Amino acid sequence: MRNIIASLYKNPIVHTVDIIDIIEEPEIQLLYAKLTLIDKTLLYIREVITSKDDKYSYHWQTESGRMIRRWDNAPHWQQKIGALHHVHTEMPEVAEPSSRVTIEEILETIAEIIKKKRRKN
């Protein structure tokens, strides 16, 4: 988890990092953090890794709380869409299949979206 945290502080689109909770023990690793990005949007990170599970959620939202996108592996979607890993785009009740993503990949995706948005303005 420490290497993930270090990469967050170095990422150019991350303005601030707030570590809400961290556990690093042999049987569980947990990271819960809130990032403020350079465009003032927020990214909530939840990673829980145990010997039996690997659960994650990366929730990107506006400053006012409107969801922009969420990547996660909540198991109830596996039956609905046939994929454990999925992404929600602006409508939490709808999900599309995805693959397992890392925080680095999420930040790259968000950086591209921010760049495109800035080019339009």
C-alpha atoms as a PDB file:
ATOM      1  CA  MET A   1       0.000   0.000   0.000  1.00  0.00           C
ATOM      2  CA  ARG A   2       2.867   2.388   0.705  1.00  0.00           C
ATOM      3  CA  ASN A   3       4.036   2.254  -2.918  1.00  0.00           C
ATOM      4  CA  ILE A   4       0.483   3.096  -4.078  1.00  0.00           C
ATOM      5  CA  ILE A   5       0.386   6.055  -1.693  1.00  0.00           C
ATOM      6  CA  ALA A   6       3.789   7.278  -2.890  1.00  0.00           C
ATOM      7  CA  SER A   7       2.586   7.170  -6.508  1.00  0.00           C
ATOM      8  CA  LEU A   8      -0.503   9.216  -5.573  1.00  0.00           C
ATOM      9  CA  TYR A   9       1.629  12.045  -4.194  1.00  0.00           C
ATOM     10  CA  LYS A  10       3.771  12.063  -7.361  1.00  0.00           C
ATOM     11  CA  ASN A  11       0.906  12.038  -9.860  1.00  0.00           C
ATOM     12  CA  PRO A  12       0.562  15.400 -11.656  1.00  0.00           C
ATOM     13  CA  ILE A  13      -3.264  15.424 -11.645  1.00  0.00           C
ATOM     14  CA  VAL A  14      -3.474  14.855  -7.874  1.00  0.00           C
ATOM     15  CA  HIS A  15      -3.708  18.102  -5.925  1.00  0.00           C
ATOM     16  CA  THR A  16      -4.152  16.679  -2.410  1.00  0.00           C
ATOM     17  CA  VAL A  17      -4.152  13.242  -0.803  1.00  0.00           C
ATOM     18  CA  ASP A  18      -6.145  12.502   2.346  1.00  0.00           C
ATOM     19  CA  ILE A  19      -5.459   9.035   3.772  1.00  0.00           C
ATOM     20  CA  ILE A  20      -8.634   8.145   5.653  1.00  0.00           C
ATOM     21  CA  ASP A  21      -7.556   4.655   6.749  1.00  0.00           C
ATOM     22  CA  ILE A  22      -4.671   2.311   6.107  1.00  0.00           C
ATOM     23  CA  ILE A  23      -3.958  -1.165   7.442  1.00  0.00           C
ATOM     24  CA  GLU A  24      -0.876  -3.158   6.507  1.00  0.00           C
ATOM     25  CA  GLU A  25      -0.896  -6.498   8.255  1.00  0.00           C
ATOM     26  CA  PRO A  26      -0.059  -9.999   6.964  1.00  0.00           C
ATOM     27  CA  GLU A  27      -3.738 -11.029   6.751  1.00  0.00           C
ATOM     28  CA  ILE A  28      -5.170  -7.749   5.438  1.00  0.00           C
ATOM     29  CA  GLN A  29      -4.099  -4.709   3.497  1.00  0.00           C
ATOM     30  CA  LEU A  30      -6.543  -1.834   3.334  1.00  0.00           C
ATOM     31  CA  LEU A  31      -6.370   1.630   1.857  1.00  0.00           C
ATOM     32  CA  TYR A  32      -9.143   4.173   1.980  1.00  0.00           C
ATOM     33  CA  ALA A  33      -8.223   7.597   0.617  1.00  0.00           C
ATOM     34  CA  LYS A  34      -9.760  10.755  -0.801  1.00  0.00           C
ATOM     35  CA  LEU A  35      -7.955  12.614  -3.567  1.00  0.00           C
ATOM     36  CA  THR A  36      -8.675  16.121  -4.732  1.00  0.00           C
ATOM     37  CA  LEU A  37      -7.664  16.406  -8.360  1.00  0.00           C
ATOM     38  CA  ILE A  38      -6.403  19.453 -10.265  1.00  0.00           C
ATOM     39  CA  ASP A  39      -9.863  20.154 -11.692  1.00  0.00           C
ATOM     40  CA  LYS A  40     -11.361  20.091  -8.146  1.00  0.00           C
ATOM     41  CA  THR A  41     -13.095  16.749  -8.688  1.00  0.00           C
ATOM     42  CA  LEU A  42     -12.732  14.075  -6.020  1.00  0.00           C
ATOM     43  CA  LEU A  43     -11.576  10.478  -6.278  1.00  0.00           C
ATOM     44  CA  TYR A  44     -12.344   8.083  -3.431  1.00  0.00           C
ATOM     45  CA  ILE A  45     -10.145   4.980  -3.329  1.00  0.00           C
ATOM     46  CA  ARG A  46     -11.001   1.786  -1.459  1.00  0.00           C
ATOM     47  CA  GLU A  47      -8.694  -1.215  -1.751  1.00  0.00           C
ATOM     48  CA  VAL A  48      -9.023  -4.270   0.500  1.00  0.00           C
ATOM     49  CA  ILE A  49      -6.731  -7.228  -0.081  1.00  0.00           C
ATOM     50  CA  THR A  50      -6.856 -10.418   1.969  1.00  0.00           C
ATOM     51  CA  SER A  51      -5.800 -13.979   1.246  1.00  0.00           C
ATOM     52  CA  LYS A  52      -9.387 -14.681   0.102  1.00  0.00           C
ATOM     53  CA  ASP A  53     -10.499 -11.385  -1.444  1.00  0.00           C
ATOM     54  CA  ASP A  54      -9.407  -8.450  -3.538  1.00  0.00           C
ATOM     55  CA  LYS A  55     -12.086  -5.761  -3.346  1.00  0.00           C
ATOM     56  CA  TYR A  56     -11.809  -2.296  -4.777  1.00  0.00           C
ATOM     57  CA  SER A  57     -13.784   0.788  -5.626  1.00  0.00           C
ATOM     58  CA  TYR A  58     -12.567   3.955  -7.320  1.00  0.00           C
ATOM     59  CA  HIS A  59     -15.353   6.539  -7.122  1.00  0.00           C
ATOM     60  CA  TRP A  60     -14.837   9.758  -9.111  1.00  0.00           C
ATOM     61  CA  GLN A  61     -17.248  12.609  -8.470  1.00  0.00           C
ATOM     62  CA  THR A  62     -17.704  16.342  -8.843  1.00  0.00           C
ATOM     63  CA  GLU A  63     -17.012  18.671  -5.957  1.00  0.00           C
ATOM     64  CA  SER A  64     -20.782  18.859  -5.361  1.00  0.00           C
ATOM     65  CA  GLY A  65     -21.104  15.054  -5.128  1.00  0.00           C
ATOM     66  CA  ARG A  66     -22.400  14.052  -8.583  1.00  0.00           C
ATOM     67  CA  MET A  67     -20.854  10.772  -9.658  1.00  0.00           C
ATOM     68  CA  ILE A  68     -18.781  10.966 -12.826  1.00  0.00           C
ATOM     69  CA  ARG A  69     -17.593   7.364 -12.919  1.00  0.00           C
ATOM     70  CA  ARG A  70     -17.000   4.431 -10.564  1.00  0.00           C
ATOM     71  CA  TRP A  71     -14.904   1.341 -11.153  1.00  0.00           C
ATOM     72  CA  ASP A  72     -15.452  -1.555  -8.762  1.00  0.00           C
ATOM     73  CA  ASN A  73     -15.893  -5.287  -8.319  1.00  0.00           C
ATOM     74  CA  ALA A  74     -19.048  -5.480  -6.206  1.00  0.00           C
ATOM     75  CA  PRO A  75     -20.133  -9.118  -6.658  1.00  0.00           C
ATOM     76  CA  HIS A  76     -23.860  -8.526  -7.230  1.00  0.00           C
ATOM     77  CA  TRP A  77     -23.127  -7.093 -10.704  1.00  0.00           C
ATOM     78  CA  GLN A  78     -21.561 -10.359 -11.851  1.00  0.00           C
ATOM     79  CA  GLN A  79     -25.015 -11.945 -12.162  1.00  0.00           C
ATOM     80  CA  LYS A  80     -26.552  -8.842 -13.755  1.00  0.00           C
ATOM     81  CA  ILE A  81     -23.954  -8.161 -16.451  1.00  0.00           C
ATOM     82  CA  GLY A  82     -21.808 -11.289 -16.446  1.00  0.00           C
ATOM     83  CA  ALA A  83     -18.677  -9.524 -15.224  1.00  0.00           C
ATOM     84  CA  LEU A  84     -17.254  -9.066 -11.754  1.00  0.00           C
ATOM     85  CA  HIS A  85     -15.171  -6.041 -12.750  1.00  0.00           C
ATOM     86  CA  HIS A  86     -17.306  -3.182 -14.025  1.00  0.00           C
ATOM     87  CA  VAL A  87     -17.650   0.563 -14.431  1.00  0.00           C
ATOM     88  CA  HIS A  88     -20.577   2.887 -13.741  1.00  0.00           C
ATOM     89  CA  THR A  89     -20.776   6.085 -15.795  1.00  0.00           C
ATOM     90  CA  GLU A  90     -22.944   8.854 -14.316  1.00  0.00           C
ATOM     91  CA  MET A  91     -25.814   6.458 -13.604  1.00  0.00           C
ATOM     92  CA  PRO A  92     -24.997   4.265 -10.580  1.00  0.00           C
ATOM     93  CA  GLU A  93     -27.782   1.801 -11.404  1.00  0.00           C
ATOM     94  CA  VAL A  94     -26.154   0.940 -14.750  1.00  0.00           C
ATOM     95  CA  ALA A  95     -22.829  -0.856 -15.147  1.00  0.00           C
ATOM     96  CA  GLU A  96     -20.703  -1.987 -18.063  1.00  0.00           C
ATOM     97  CA  PRO A  97     -18.186  -4.843 -18.003  1.00  0.00           C
ATOM     98  CA  SER A  98     -14.603  -3.832 -17.393  1.00  0.00           C
ATOM     99  CA  SER A  99     -11.348  -5.482 -16.439  1.00  0.00           C
ATOM    100  CA  ARG A 100      -9.438  -5.257 -13.157  1.00  0.00           C
ATOM    101  CA  VAL A 101      -7.931  -1.779 -13.081  1.00  0.00           C
ATOM    102  CA  THR A 102      -5.221  -0.222 -10.952  1.00  0.00           C
ATOM    103  CA  ILE A 103      -5.203   3.223  -9.416  1.00  0.00           C
ATOM    104  CA  GLU A 104      -2.480   4.219 -11.881  1.00  0.00           C
ATOM    105  CA  GLU A 105      -4.719   3.230 -14.820  1.00  0.00           C
ATOM    106  CA  ILE A 106      -7.649   5.122 -13.310  1.00  0.00           C
ATOM    107  CA  LEU A 107      -5.571   8.274 -12.906  1.00  0.00           C
ATOM    108  CA  GLU A 108      -4.353   7.982 -16.528  1.00  0.00           C
ATOM    109  CA  THR A 109      -7.967   7.670 -17.716  1.00  0.00           C
ATOM    110  CA  ILE A 110      -9.055  10.649 -15.641  1.00  0.00           C
ATOM    111  CA  ALA A 111      -6.074  12.707 -16.868  1.00  0.00           C
ATOM    112  CA  GLU A 112      -7.126  12.079 -20.479  1.00  0.00           C
ATOM    113  CA  ILE A 113     -10.715  13.113 -19.722  1.00  0.00           C
ATOM    114  CA  ILE A 114      -9.527  16.296 -17.983  1.00  0.00           C
ATOM    115  CA  LYS A 115      -7.255  17.131 -20.956  1.00  0.00           C
ATOM    116  CA  LYS A 116     -10.118  16.685 -23.437  1.00  0.00           C
ATOM    117  CA  LYS A 117     -12.402  18.829 -21.307  1.00  0.00           C
ATOM    118  CA  ARG A 118      -9.790  21.613 -21.115  1.00  0.00           C
ATOM    119  CA  ARG A 119      -9.280  21.555 -24.905  1.00  0.00           C
ATOM    120  CA  LYS A 120     -13.015  22.114 -25.409  1.00  0.00           C
ATOM    121  CA  ASN A 121     -13.054  25.140 -23.084  1.00  0.00           C
END
